[in-house]
Amino acid sequence: MKYLLVMKQNGGCDYTIGCGIALEEIEVPRHGDIMSVAFEKLTADYGEPPDYISEDINSAFLYELKDEKITVPLAEFRQEAENKKREKQSTMAEKVDFQEYQRLKDKFEKGLG
């Protein structure tokens, strides 16, 4: 069985992707072994015997993974994001044009009246 070990650390973040989060994929032959393997992963950086878990880690979670991988269509997502950006820019340009139209219309109506 496959699991994802998600470890979160205390402290600040500069808003980067995955800031303060570490992920590790774990594969175990039986469900019962997962906690001992997770313990080994959490204590791995501190030598033998494994008797310490960093104080920086404030939480850890295990998620069971399916053997199914779903690929995120990044190219399509990027195109969709670009289309939305262009649409927003177009809407803003139309708004600015309309405001300019209203300003000129008001100016000339006052001059003619």
PDB file of N, CA and C in Angstrom:
ATOM      1  N   MET A   1       0.845  -1.175   0.000  1.00  0.00           N
ATOM      2  CA  MET A   1       0.000   0.000   0.000  1.00  0.00           C
ATOM      3  C   MET A   1       0.890   1.237   0.000  1.00  0.00           C
ATOM      4  N   LYS A   2       0.407   2.290  -0.641  1.00  0.00           N
ATOM      5  CA  LYS A   2       1.169   3.533  -0.711  1.00  0.00           C
ATOM      6  C   LYS A   2       0.482   4.604   0.134  1.00  0.00           C
ATOM      7  N   TYR A   3       1.335   5.404   0.782  1.00  0.00           N
ATOM      8  CA  TYR A   3       0.852   6.497   1.616  1.00  0.00           C
ATOM      9  C   TYR A   3       1.654   7.748   1.304  1.00  0.00           C
ATOM     10  N   LEU A   4       1.068   8.875   1.628  1.00  0.00           N
ATOM     11  CA  LEU A   4       1.772  10.142   1.544  1.00  0.00           C
ATOM     12  C   LEU A   4       1.884  10.675   2.959  1.00  0.00           C
ATOM     13  N   LEU A   5       3.110  10.878   3.425  1.00  0.00           N
ATOM     14  CA  LEU A   5       3.360  11.453   4.735  1.00  0.00           C
ATOM     15  C   LEU A   5       3.524  12.958   4.541  1.00  0.00           C
ATOM     16  N   VAL A   6       2.652  13.725   5.171  1.00  0.00           N
ATOM     17  CA  VAL A   6       2.680  15.185   5.075  1.00  0.00           C
ATOM     18  C   VAL A   6       3.123  15.719   6.423  1.00  0.00           C
ATOM     19  N   MET A   7       4.249  16.427   6.424  1.00  0.00           N
ATOM     20  CA  MET A   7       4.787  17.007   7.652  1.00  0.00           C
ATOM     21  C   MET A   7       4.743  18.524   7.535  1.00  0.00           C
ATOM     22  N   LYS A   8       4.205  19.164   8.563  1.00  0.00           N
ATOM     23  CA  LYS A   8       4.122  20.628   8.569  1.00  0.00           C
ATOM     24  C   LYS A   8       4.978  21.152   9.703  1.00  0.00           C
ATOM     25  N   GLN A   9       5.661  22.270   9.425  1.00  0.00           N
ATOM     26  CA  GLN A   9       6.533  22.828  10.440  1.00  0.00           C
ATOM     27  C   GLN A   9       5.973  24.138  10.981  1.00  0.00           C
ATOM     28  N   ASN A  10       6.428  24.479  12.169  1.00  0.00           N
ATOM     29  CA  ASN A  10       6.078  25.757  12.781  1.00  0.00           C
ATOM     30  C   ASN A  10       6.787  26.877  12.040  1.00  0.00           C
ATOM     31  N   GLY A  11       6.349  28.084  12.283  1.00  0.00           N
ATOM     32  CA  GLY A  11       7.091  29.231  11.783  1.00  0.00           C
ATOM     33  C   GLY A  11       6.439  29.917  10.617  1.00  0.00           C
ATOM     34  N   GLY A  12       7.100  30.968  10.195  1.00  0.00           N
ATOM     35  CA  GLY A  12       6.580  31.815   9.131  1.00  0.00           C
ATOM     36  C   GLY A  12       6.770  31.220   7.759  1.00  0.00           C
ATOM     37  N   CYS A  13       6.321  32.003   6.792  1.00  0.00           N
ATOM     38  CA  CYS A  13       6.359  31.538   5.420  1.00  0.00           C
ATOM     39  C   CYS A  13       6.434  32.749   4.506  1.00  0.00           C
ATOM     40  N   ASP A  14       7.115  32.608   3.388  1.00  0.00           N
ATOM     41  CA  ASP A  14       7.160  33.698   2.413  1.00  0.00           C
ATOM     42  C   ASP A  14       6.201  33.427   1.257  1.00  0.00           C
ATOM     43  N   TYR A  15       5.203  32.591   1.497  1.00  0.00           N
ATOM     44  CA  TYR A  15       4.138  32.288   0.539  1.00  0.00           C
ATOM     45  C   TYR A  15       4.627  31.597  -0.721  1.00  0.00           C
ATOM     46  N   THR A  16       5.637  30.752  -0.587  1.00  0.00           N
ATOM     47  CA  THR A  16       6.057  29.948  -1.720  1.00  0.00           C
ATOM     48  C   THR A  16       5.250  28.662  -1.725  1.00  0.00           C
ATOM     49  N   ILE A  17       5.265  27.968  -2.829  1.00  0.00           N
ATOM     50  CA  ILE A  17       4.531  26.711  -2.934  1.00  0.00           C
ATOM     51  C   ILE A  17       5.129  25.710  -1.949  1.00  0.00           C
ATOM     52  N   GLY A  18       4.287  25.145  -1.126  1.00  0.00           N
ATOM     53  CA  GLY A  18       4.735  24.126  -0.187  1.00  0.00           C
ATOM     54  C   GLY A  18       5.566  24.651   0.960  1.00  0.00           C
ATOM     55  N   CYS A  19       5.499  25.925   1.221  1.00  0.00           N
ATOM     56  CA  CYS A  19       6.297  26.510   2.303  1.00  0.00           C
ATOM     57  C   CYS A  19       5.933  25.857   3.631  1.00  0.00           C
ATOM     58  N   GLY A  20       6.918  25.346   4.325  1.00  0.00           N
ATOM     59  CA  GLY A  20       6.698  24.750   5.627  1.00  0.00           C
ATOM     60  C   GLY A  20       6.084  23.361   5.567  1.00  0.00           C
ATOM     61  N   ILE A  21       6.032  22.762   4.393  1.00  0.00           N
ATOM     62  CA  ILE A  21       5.438  21.437   4.234  1.00  0.00           C
ATOM     63  C   ILE A  21       6.435  20.520   3.538  1.00  0.00           C
ATOM     64  N   ALA A  22       6.587  19.334   4.067  1.00  0.00           N
ATOM     65  CA  ALA A  22       7.419  18.317   3.426  1.00  0.00           C
ATOM     66  C   ALA A  22       6.534  17.113   3.135  1.00  0.00           C
ATOM     67  N   LEU A  23       6.718  16.529   1.967  1.00  0.00           N
ATOM     68  CA  LEU A  23       5.937  15.363   1.546  1.00  0.00           C
ATOM     69  C   LEU A  23       6.879  14.208   1.295  1.00  0.00           C
ATOM     70  N   GLU A  24       6.444  13.031   1.694  1.00  0.00           N
ATOM     71  CA  GLU A  24       7.240  11.843   1.413  1.00  0.00           C
ATOM     72  C   GLU A  24       6.298  10.685   1.120  1.00  0.00           C
ATOM     73  N   GLU A  25       6.521  10.040  -0.020  1.00  0.00           N
ATOM     74  CA  GLU A  25       5.724   8.865  -0.369  1.00  0.00           C
ATOM     75  C   GLU A  25       6.321   7.653   0.327  1.00  0.00           C
ATOM     76  N   ILE A  26       5.444   6.852   0.924  1.00  0.00           N
ATOM     77  CA  ILE A  26       5.865   5.662   1.662  1.00  0.00           C
ATOM     78  C   ILE A  26       5.112   4.468   1.091  1.00  0.00           C
ATOM     79  N   GLU A  27       5.825   3.374   0.882  1.00  0.00           N
ATOM     80  CA  GLU A  27       5.179   2.146   0.441  1.00  0.00           C
ATOM     81  C   GLU A  27       5.449   1.060   1.475  1.00  0.00           C
ATOM     82  N   VAL A  28       4.393   0.421   1.925  1.00  0.00           N
ATOM     83  CA  VAL A  28       4.505  -0.654   2.911  1.00  0.00           C
ATOM     84  C   VAL A  28       3.718  -1.862   2.416  1.00  0.00           C
ATOM     85  N   PRO A  29       4.188  -3.071   2.777  1.00  0.00           N
ATOM     86  CA  PRO A  29       3.496  -4.269   2.298  1.00  0.00           C
ATOM     87  C   PRO A  29       2.126  -4.486   2.947  1.00  0.00           C
ATOM     88  N   ARG A  30       1.990  -4.077   4.209  1.00  0.00           N
ATOM     89  CA  ARG A  30       0.722  -4.282   4.916  1.00  0.00           C
ATOM     90  C   ARG A  30       0.333  -3.004   5.653  1.00  0.00           C
ATOM     91  N   HIS A  31      -0.950  -2.806   5.824  1.00  0.00           N
ATOM     92  CA  HIS A  31      -1.479  -1.605   6.488  1.00  0.00           C
ATOM     93  C   HIS A  31      -0.897  -1.415   7.890  1.00  0.00           C
ATOM     94  N   GLY A  32      -0.708  -2.490   8.631  1.00  0.00           N
ATOM     95  CA  GLY A  32      -0.241  -2.400  10.008  1.00  0.00           C
ATOM     96  C   GLY A  32       1.162  -1.849  10.163  1.00  0.00           C
ATOM     97  N   ASP A  33       1.973  -1.905   9.115  1.00  0.00           N
ATOM     98  CA  ASP A  33       3.361  -1.451   9.197  1.00  0.00           C
ATOM     99  C   ASP A  33       3.516   0.061   9.042  1.00  0.00           C
ATOM    100  N   ILE A  34       2.483   0.751   8.645  1.00  0.00           N
ATOM    101  CA  ILE A  34       2.630   2.158   8.263  1.00  0.00           C
ATOM    102  C   ILE A  34       3.115   3.044   9.416  1.00  0.00           C
ATOM    103  N   MET A  35       2.650   2.829  10.637  1.00  0.00           N
ATOM    104  CA  MET A  35       3.058   3.708  11.739  1.00  0.00           C
ATOM    105  C   MET A  35       4.536   3.532  12.082  1.00  0.00           C
ATOM    106  N   SER A  36       5.046   2.314  12.005  1.00  0.00           N
ATOM    107  CA  SER A  36       6.471   2.124  12.291  1.00  0.00           C
ATOM    108  C   SER A  36       7.328   2.751  11.187  1.00  0.00           C
ATOM    109  N   VAL A  37       6.865   2.665   9.947  1.00  0.00           N
ATOM    110  CA  VAL A  37       7.597   3.293   8.838  1.00  0.00           C
ATOM    111  C   VAL A  37       7.527   4.815   8.962  1.00  0.00           C
ATOM    112  N   ALA A  38       6.368   5.350   9.340  1.00  0.00           N
ATOM    113  CA  ALA A  38       6.240   6.796   9.535  1.00  0.00           C
ATOM    114  C   ALA A  38       7.179   7.259  10.647  1.00  0.00           C
ATOM    115  N   PHE A  39       7.275   6.491  11.734  1.00  0.00           N
ATOM    116  CA  PHE A  39       8.193   6.823  12.827  1.00  0.00           C
ATOM    117  C   PHE A  39       9.628   6.880  12.315  1.00  0.00           C
ATOM    118  N   GLU A  40      10.012   5.897  11.501  1.00  0.00           N
ATOM    119  CA  GLU A  40      11.362   5.873  10.936  1.00  0.00           C
ATOM    120  C   GLU A  40      11.621   7.107  10.079  1.00  0.00           C
ATOM    121  N   LYS A  41      10.636   7.516   9.278  1.00  0.00           N
ATOM    122  CA  LYS A  41      10.797   8.690   8.404  1.00  0.00           C
ATOM    123  C   LYS A  41      10.928   9.960   9.235  1.00  0.00           C
ATOM    124  N   LEU A  42      10.146  10.065  10.299  1.00  0.00           N
ATOM    125  CA  LEU A  42      10.170  11.281  11.123  1.00  0.00           C
ATOM    126  C   LEU A  42      11.442  11.402  11.953  1.00  0.00           C
ATOM    127  N   THR A  43      12.098  10.296  12.220  1.00  0.00           N
ATOM    128  CA  THR A  43      13.312  10.327  13.042  1.00  0.00           C
ATOM    129  C   THR A  43      14.582  10.091  12.225  1.00  0.00           C
ATOM    130  N   ALA A  44      14.478   9.936  10.923  1.00  0.00           N
ATOM    131  CA  ALA A  44      15.600   9.516  10.071  1.00  0.00           C
ATOM    132  C   ALA A  44      16.795  10.458  10.102  1.00  0.00           C
ATOM    133  N   ASP A  45      16.572  11.744  10.297  1.00  0.00           N
ATOM    134  CA  ASP A  45      17.677  12.702  10.232  1.00  0.00           C
ATOM    135  C   ASP A  45      18.498  12.780  11.519  1.00  0.00           C
ATOM    136  N   TYR A  46      18.144  11.990  12.512  1.00  0.00           N
ATOM    137  CA  TYR A  46      18.779  12.162  13.816  1.00  0.00           C
ATOM    138  C   TYR A  46      19.593  10.969  14.281  1.00  0.00           C
ATOM    139  N   GLY A  47      19.983  10.110  13.343  1.00  0.00           N
ATOM    140  CA  GLY A  47      20.913   9.034  13.665  1.00  0.00           C
ATOM    141  C   GLY A  47      20.274   7.844  14.354  1.00  0.00           C
ATOM    142  N   GLU A  48      21.154   6.980  14.861  1.00  0.00           N
ATOM    143  CA  GLU A  48      20.718   5.749  15.525  1.00  0.00           C
ATOM    144  C   GLU A  48      21.048   5.851  17.008  1.00  0.00           C
ATOM    145  N   PRO A  49      20.220   5.399  17.896  1.00  0.00           N
ATOM    146  CA  PRO A  49      18.856   4.952  17.622  1.00  0.00           C
ATOM    147  C   PRO A  49      17.958   6.148  17.324  1.00  0.00           C
ATOM    148  N   PRO A  50      16.884   5.919  16.594  1.00  0.00           N
ATOM    149  CA  PRO A  50      15.974   7.027  16.276  1.00  0.00           C
ATOM    150  C   PRO A  50      15.184   7.432  17.517  1.00  0.00           C
ATOM    151  N   ASP A  51      15.649   8.492  18.174  1.00  0.00           N
ATOM    152  CA  ASP A  51      15.023   8.864  19.448  1.00  0.00           C
ATOM    153  C   ASP A  51      14.623  10.342  19.495  1.00  0.00           C
ATOM    154  N   TYR A  52      14.515  10.977  18.341  1.00  0.00           N
ATOM    155  CA  TYR A  52      14.204  12.405  18.344  1.00  0.00           C
ATOM    156  C   TYR A  52      13.420  12.780  17.093  1.00  0.00           C
ATOM    157  N   ILE A  53      12.408  13.607  17.288  1.00  0.00           N
ATOM    158  CA  ILE A  53      11.659  14.193  16.174  1.00  0.00           C
ATOM    159  C   ILE A  53      11.798  15.698  16.308  1.00  0.00           C
ATOM    160  N   SER A  54      12.161  16.353  15.244  1.00  0.00           N
ATOM    161  CA  SER A  54      12.408  17.796  15.269  1.00  0.00           C
ATOM    162  C   SER A  54      11.243  18.554  15.887  1.00  0.00           C
ATOM    163  N   GLU A  55      11.573  19.518  16.745  1.00  0.00           N
ATOM    164  CA  GLU A  55      10.556  20.391  17.347  1.00  0.00           C
ATOM    165  C   GLU A  55       9.909  21.293  16.302  1.00  0.00           C
ATOM    166  N   ASP A  56      10.563  21.448  15.138  1.00  0.00           N
ATOM    167  CA  ASP A  56      10.000  22.283  14.079  1.00  0.00           C
ATOM    168  C   ASP A  56       8.752  21.651  13.458  1.00  0.00           C
ATOM    169  N   ILE A  57       8.646  20.329  13.546  1.00  0.00           N
ATOM    170  CA  ILE A  57       7.471  19.655  12.978  1.00  0.00           C
ATOM    171  C   ILE A  57       6.341  19.749  13.989  1.00  0.00           C
ATOM    172  N   ASN A  58       5.251  20.423  13.598  1.00  0.00           N
ATOM    173  CA  ASN A  58       4.136  20.556  14.532  1.00  0.00           C
ATOM    174  C   ASN A  58       2.959  19.655  14.195  1.00  0.00           C
ATOM    175  N   SER A  59       2.964  19.029  13.019  1.00  0.00           N
ATOM    176  CA  SER A  59       1.912  18.061  12.704  1.00  0.00           C
ATOM    177  C   SER A  59       2.379  17.165  11.567  1.00  0.00           C
ATOM    178  N   ALA A  60       1.800  15.970  11.544  1.00  0.00           N
ATOM    179  CA  ALA A  60       2.105  15.014  10.481  1.00  0.00           C
ATOM    180  C   ALA A  60       0.842  14.209  10.205  1.00  0.00           C
ATOM    181  N   PHE A  61       0.580  13.972   8.934  1.00  0.00           N
ATOM    182  CA  PHE A  61      -0.612  13.242   8.514  1.00  0.00           C
ATOM    183  C   PHE A  61      -0.215  12.192   7.495  1.00  0.00           C
ATOM    184  N   LEU A  62      -0.966  11.118   7.480  1.00  0.00           N
ATOM    185  CA  LEU A  62      -0.794  10.081   6.471  1.00  0.00           C
ATOM    186  C   LEU A  62      -2.049  10.008   5.613  1.00  0.00           C
ATOM    187  N   TYR A  63      -1.847   9.976   4.319  1.00  0.00           N
ATOM    188  CA  TYR A  63      -2.949   9.820   3.378  1.00  0.00           C
ATOM    189  C   TYR A  63      -2.690   8.569   2.560  1.00  0.00           C
ATOM    190  N   GLU A  64      -3.689   7.689   2.503  1.00  0.00           N
ATOM    191  CA  GLU A  64      -3.547   6.499   1.682  1.00  0.00           C
ATOM    192  C   GLU A  64      -3.729   6.889   0.226  1.00  0.00           C
ATOM    193  N   LEU A  65      -2.826   6.410  -0.633  1.00  0.00           N
ATOM    194  CA  LEU A  65      -2.866   6.748  -2.051  1.00  0.00           C
ATOM    195  C   LEU A  65      -3.433   5.603  -2.867  1.00  0.00           C
ATOM    196  N   LYS A  66      -4.148   5.943  -3.902  1.00  0.00           N
ATOM    197  CA  LYS A  66      -4.591   4.951  -4.866  1.00  0.00           C
ATOM    198  C   LYS A  66      -3.452   4.717  -5.848  1.00  0.00           C
ATOM    199  N   ASP A  67      -3.536   3.643  -6.588  1.00  0.00           N
ATOM    200  CA  ASP A  67      -2.542   3.402  -7.626  1.00  0.00           C
ATOM    201  C   ASP A  67      -2.878   4.146  -8.900  1.00  0.00           C
ATOM    202  N   GLU A  68      -3.795   5.059  -8.802  1.00  0.00           N
ATOM    203  CA  GLU A  68      -4.242   5.810  -9.975  1.00  0.00           C
ATOM    204  C   GLU A  68      -3.615   7.205  -9.935  1.00  0.00           C
ATOM    205  N   LYS A  69      -2.950   7.547 -11.008  1.00  0.00           N
ATOM    206  CA  LYS A  69      -2.342   8.873 -11.099  1.00  0.00           C
ATOM    207  C   LYS A  69      -3.162   9.696 -12.079  1.00  0.00           C
ATOM    208  N   ILE A  70      -3.555  10.872 -11.653  1.00  0.00           N
ATOM    209  CA  ILE A  70      -4.323  11.768 -12.507  1.00  0.00           C
ATOM    210  C   ILE A  70      -3.413  12.932 -12.874  1.00  0.00           C
ATOM    211  N   THR A  71      -3.156  13.087 -14.149  1.00  0.00           N
ATOM    212  CA  THR A  71      -2.289  14.159 -14.622  1.00  0.00           C
ATOM    213  C   THR A  71      -3.101  15.441 -14.754  1.00  0.00           C
ATOM    214  N   VAL A  72      -2.588  16.489 -14.182  1.00  0.00           N
ATOM    215  CA  VAL A  72      -3.233  17.797 -14.278  1.00  0.00           C
ATOM    216  C   VAL A  72      -2.863  18.397 -15.635  1.00  0.00           C
ATOM    217  N   PRO A  73      -3.845  18.820 -16.415  1.00  0.00           N
ATOM    218  CA  PRO A  73      -3.568  19.362 -17.754  1.00  0.00           C
ATOM    219  C   PRO A  73      -3.041  20.806 -17.679  1.00  0.00           C
ATOM    220  N   LEU A  74      -1.778  20.943 -17.335  1.00  0.00           N
ATOM    221  CA  LEU A  74      -1.195  22.273 -17.116  1.00  0.00           C
ATOM    222  C   LEU A  74      -1.280  23.176 -18.339  1.00  0.00           C
ATOM    223  N   ALA A  75      -1.054  22.645 -19.524  1.00  0.00           N
ATOM    224  CA  ALA A  75      -1.102  23.473 -20.733  1.00  0.00           C
ATOM    225  C   ALA A  75      -2.496  24.077 -20.904  1.00  0.00           C
ATOM    226  N   GLU A  76      -3.533  23.250 -20.716  1.00  0.00           N
ATOM    227  CA  GLU A  76      -4.899  23.768 -20.845  1.00  0.00           C
ATOM    228  C   GLU A  76      -5.216  24.765 -19.737  1.00  0.00           C
ATOM    229  N   PHE A  77      -4.753  24.486 -18.518  1.00  0.00           N
ATOM    230  CA  PHE A  77      -4.981  25.410 -17.405  1.00  0.00           C
ATOM    231  C   PHE A  77      -4.299  26.752 -17.663  1.00  0.00           C
ATOM    232  N   ARG A  78      -3.077  26.693 -18.197  1.00  0.00           N
ATOM    233  CA  ARG A  78      -2.371  27.943 -18.503  1.00  0.00           C
ATOM    234  C   ARG A  78      -3.119  28.747 -19.567  1.00  0.00           C
ATOM    235  N   GLN A  79      -3.614  28.051 -20.598  1.00  0.00           N
ATOM    236  CA  GLN A  79      -4.366  28.728 -21.653  1.00  0.00           C
ATOM    237  C   GLN A  79      -5.649  29.338 -21.098  1.00  0.00           C
ATOM    238  N   GLU A  80      -6.342  28.607 -20.243  1.00  0.00           N
ATOM    239  CA  GLU A  80      -7.570  29.119 -19.646  1.00  0.00           C
ATOM    240  C   GLU A  80      -7.278  30.343 -18.777  1.00  0.00           C
ATOM    241  N   ALA A  81      -6.194  30.288 -18.010  1.00  0.00           N
ATOM    242  CA  ALA A  81      -5.810  31.428 -17.176  1.00  0.00           C
ATOM    243  C   ALA A  81      -5.469  32.634 -18.049  1.00  0.00           C
ATOM    244  N   GLU A  82      -4.757  32.398 -19.143  1.00  0.00           N
ATOM    245  CA  GLU A  82      -4.413  33.482 -20.069  1.00  0.00           C
ATOM    246  C   GLU A  82      -5.672  34.076 -20.689  1.00  0.00           C
ATOM    247  N   ASN A  83      -6.625  33.227 -21.079  1.00  0.00           N
ATOM    248  CA  ASN A  83      -7.884  33.716 -21.645  1.00  0.00           C
ATOM    249  C   ASN A  83      -8.644  34.578 -20.645  1.00  0.00           C
ATOM    250  N   LYS A  84      -8.674  34.146 -19.395  1.00  0.00           N
ATOM    251  CA  LYS A  84      -9.358  34.933 -18.355  1.00  0.00           C
ATOM    252  C   LYS A  84      -8.645  36.263 -18.138  1.00  0.00           C
ATOM    253  N   LYS A  85      -7.322  36.248 -18.202  1.00  0.00           N
ATOM    254  CA  LYS A  85      -6.544  37.479 -18.046  1.00  0.00           C
ATOM    255  C   LYS A  85      -6.872  38.452 -19.180  1.00  0.00           C
ATOM    256  N   ARG A  86      -6.890  37.938 -20.413  1.00  0.00           N
ATOM    257  CA  ARG A  86      -7.217  38.792 -21.561  1.00  0.00           C
ATOM    258  C   ARG A  86      -8.638  39.342 -21.459  1.00  0.00           C
ATOM    259  N   GLU A  87      -9.562  38.488 -21.033  1.00  0.00           N
ATOM    260  CA  GLU A  87     -10.953  38.916 -20.885  1.00  0.00           C
ATOM    261  C   GLU A  87     -11.067  40.035 -19.851  1.00  0.00           C
ATOM    262  N   LYS A  88     -10.350  39.894 -18.752  1.00  0.00           N
ATOM    263  CA  LYS A  88     -10.363  40.923 -17.709  1.00  0.00           C
ATOM    264  C   LYS A  88      -9.765  42.223 -18.235  1.00  0.00           C
ATOM    265  N   GLN A  89      -8.644  42.107 -18.959  1.00  0.00           N
ATOM    266  CA  GLN A  89      -8.011  43.301 -19.528  1.00  0.00           C
ATOM    267  C   GLN A  89      -8.936  43.976 -20.531  1.00  0.00           C
ATOM    268  N   SER A  90      -9.629  43.185 -21.340  1.00  0.00           N
ATOM    269  CA  SER A  90     -10.557  43.719 -22.319  1.00  0.00           C
ATOM    270  C   SER A  90     -11.708  44.448 -21.635  1.00  0.00           C
ATOM    271  N   THR A  91     -12.246  43.846 -20.586  1.00  0.00           N
ATOM    272  CA  THR A  91     -13.331  44.464 -19.832  1.00  0.00           C
ATOM    273  C   THR A  91     -12.873  45.779 -19.214  1.00  0.00           C
ATOM    274  N   MET A  92     -11.650  45.784 -18.675  1.00  0.00           N
ATOM    275  CA  MET A  92     -11.113  47.014 -18.079  1.00  0.00           C
ATOM    276  C   MET A  92     -10.915  48.084 -19.153  1.00  0.00           C
ATOM    277  N   ALA A  93     -10.420  47.690 -20.325  1.00  0.00           N
ATOM    278  CA  ALA A  93     -10.220  48.646 -21.419  1.00  0.00           C
ATOM    279  C   ALA A  93     -11.556  49.233 -21.858  1.00  0.00           C
ATOM    280  N   GLU A  94     -12.589  48.380 -21.955  1.00  0.00           N
ATOM    281  CA  GLU A  94     -13.917  48.861 -22.326  1.00  0.00           C
ATOM    282  C   GLU A  94     -14.445  49.834 -21.284  1.00  0.00           C
ATOM    283  N   LYS A  95     -14.204  49.552 -20.031  1.00  0.00           N
ATOM    284  CA  LYS A  95     -14.654  50.435 -18.953  1.00  0.00           C
ATOM    285  C   LYS A  95     -13.962  51.796 -19.060  1.00  0.00           C
ATOM    286  N   VAL A  96     -12.668  51.778 -19.302  1.00  0.00           N
ATOM    287  CA  VAL A  96     -11.911  53.030 -19.452  1.00  0.00           C
ATOM    288  C   VAL A  96     -12.421  53.800 -20.674  1.00  0.00           C
ATOM    289  N   ASP A  97     -12.641  53.091 -21.785  1.00  0.00           N
ATOM    290  CA  ASP A  97     -13.168  53.736 -22.997  1.00  0.00           C
ATOM    291  C   ASP A  97     -14.533  54.348 -22.736  1.00  0.00           C
ATOM    292  N   PHE A  98     -15.394  53.647 -22.024  1.00  0.00           N
ATOM    293  CA  PHE A  98     -16.729  54.168 -21.740  1.00  0.00           C
ATOM    294  C   PHE A  98     -16.650  55.395 -20.841  1.00  0.00           C
ATOM    295  N   GLN A  99     -15.761  55.365 -19.863  1.00  0.00           N
ATOM    296  CA  GLN A  99     -15.590  56.526 -18.989  1.00  0.00           C
ATOM    297  C   GLN A  99     -15.106  57.735 -19.791  1.00  0.00           C
ATOM    298  N   GLU A 100     -14.194  57.491 -20.717  1.00  0.00           N
ATOM    299  CA  GLU A 100     -13.706  58.577 -21.577  1.00  0.00           C
ATOM    300  C   GLU A 100     -14.831  59.093 -22.466  1.00  0.00           C
ATOM    301  N   TYR A 101     -15.624  58.185 -23.015  1.00  0.00           N
ATOM    302  CA  TYR A 101     -16.779  58.568 -23.827  1.00  0.00           C
ATOM    303  C   TYR A 101     -17.733  59.438 -23.008  1.00  0.00           C
ATOM    304  N   GLN A 102     -18.042  59.005 -21.792  1.00  0.00           N
ATOM    305  CA  GLN A 102     -18.952  59.776 -20.938  1.00  0.00           C
ATOM    306  C   GLN A 102     -18.375  61.157 -20.640  1.00  0.00           C
ATOM    307  N   ARG A 103     -17.090  61.225 -20.371  1.00  0.00           N
ATOM    308  CA  ARG A 103     -16.442  62.506 -20.069  1.00  0.00           C
ATOM    309  C   ARG A 103     -16.550  63.451 -21.263  1.00  0.00           C
ATOM    310  N   LEU A 104     -16.237  62.938 -22.467  1.00  0.00           N
ATOM    311  CA  LEU A 104     -16.308  63.781 -23.670  1.00  0.00           C
ATOM    312  C   LEU A 104     -17.753  64.153 -23.998  1.00  0.00           C
ATOM    313  N   LYS A 105     -18.655  63.223 -23.847  1.00  0.00           N
ATOM    314  CA  LYS A 105     -20.064  63.493 -24.111  1.00  0.00           C
ATOM    315  C   LYS A 105     -20.563  64.609 -23.208  1.00  0.00           C
ATOM    316  N   ASP A 106     -20.267  64.500 -21.918  1.00  0.00           N
ATOM    317  CA  ASP A 106     -20.676  65.534 -20.962  1.00  0.00           C
ATOM    318  C   ASP A 106     -20.051  66.875 -21.308  1.00  0.00           C
ATOM    319  N   LYS A 107     -18.779  66.854 -21.711  1.00  0.00           N
ATOM    320  CA  LYS A 107     -18.073  68.086 -22.043  1.00  0.00           C
ATOM    321  C   LYS A 107     -18.742  68.776 -23.238  1.00  0.00           C
ATOM    322  N   PHE A 108     -19.035  67.996 -24.288  1.00  0.00           N
ATOM    323  CA  PHE A 108     -19.604  68.598 -25.487  1.00  0.00           C
ATOM    324  C   PHE A 108     -21.074  68.960 -25.309  1.00  0.00           C
ATOM    325  N   GLU A 109     -21.797  68.227 -24.519  1.00  0.00           N
ATOM    326  CA  GLU A 109     -23.200  68.575 -24.263  1.00  0.00           C
ATOM    327  C   GLU A 109     -23.283  69.884 -23.493  1.00  0.00           C
ATOM    328  N   LYS A 110     -22.368  70.107 -22.566  1.00  0.00           N
ATOM    329  CA  LYS A 110     -22.344  71.356 -21.818  1.00  0.00           C
ATOM    330  C   LYS A 110     -21.973  72.508 -22.749  1.00  0.00           C
ATOM    331  N   GLY A 111     -21.064  72.266 -23.682  1.00  0.00           N
ATOM    332  CA  GLY A 111     -20.618  73.314 -24.606  1.00  0.00           C
ATOM    333  C   GLY A 111     -21.674  73.678 -25.619  1.00  0.00           C
ATOM    334  N   LEU A 112     -22.552  72.739 -25.968  1.00  0.00           N
ATOM    335  CA  LEU A 112     -23.581  72.977 -26.961  1.00  0.00           C
ATOM    336  C   LEU A 112     -24.870  73.507 -26.339  1.00  0.00           C
ATOM    337  N   GLY A 113     -25.054  73.312 -25.065  1.00  0.00           N
ATOM    338  CA  GLY A 113     -26.323  73.657 -24.402  1.00  0.00           C
ATOM    339  C   GLY A 113     -26.410  75.005 -23.916  1.00  0.00           C
TER     340      GLY A 113
END
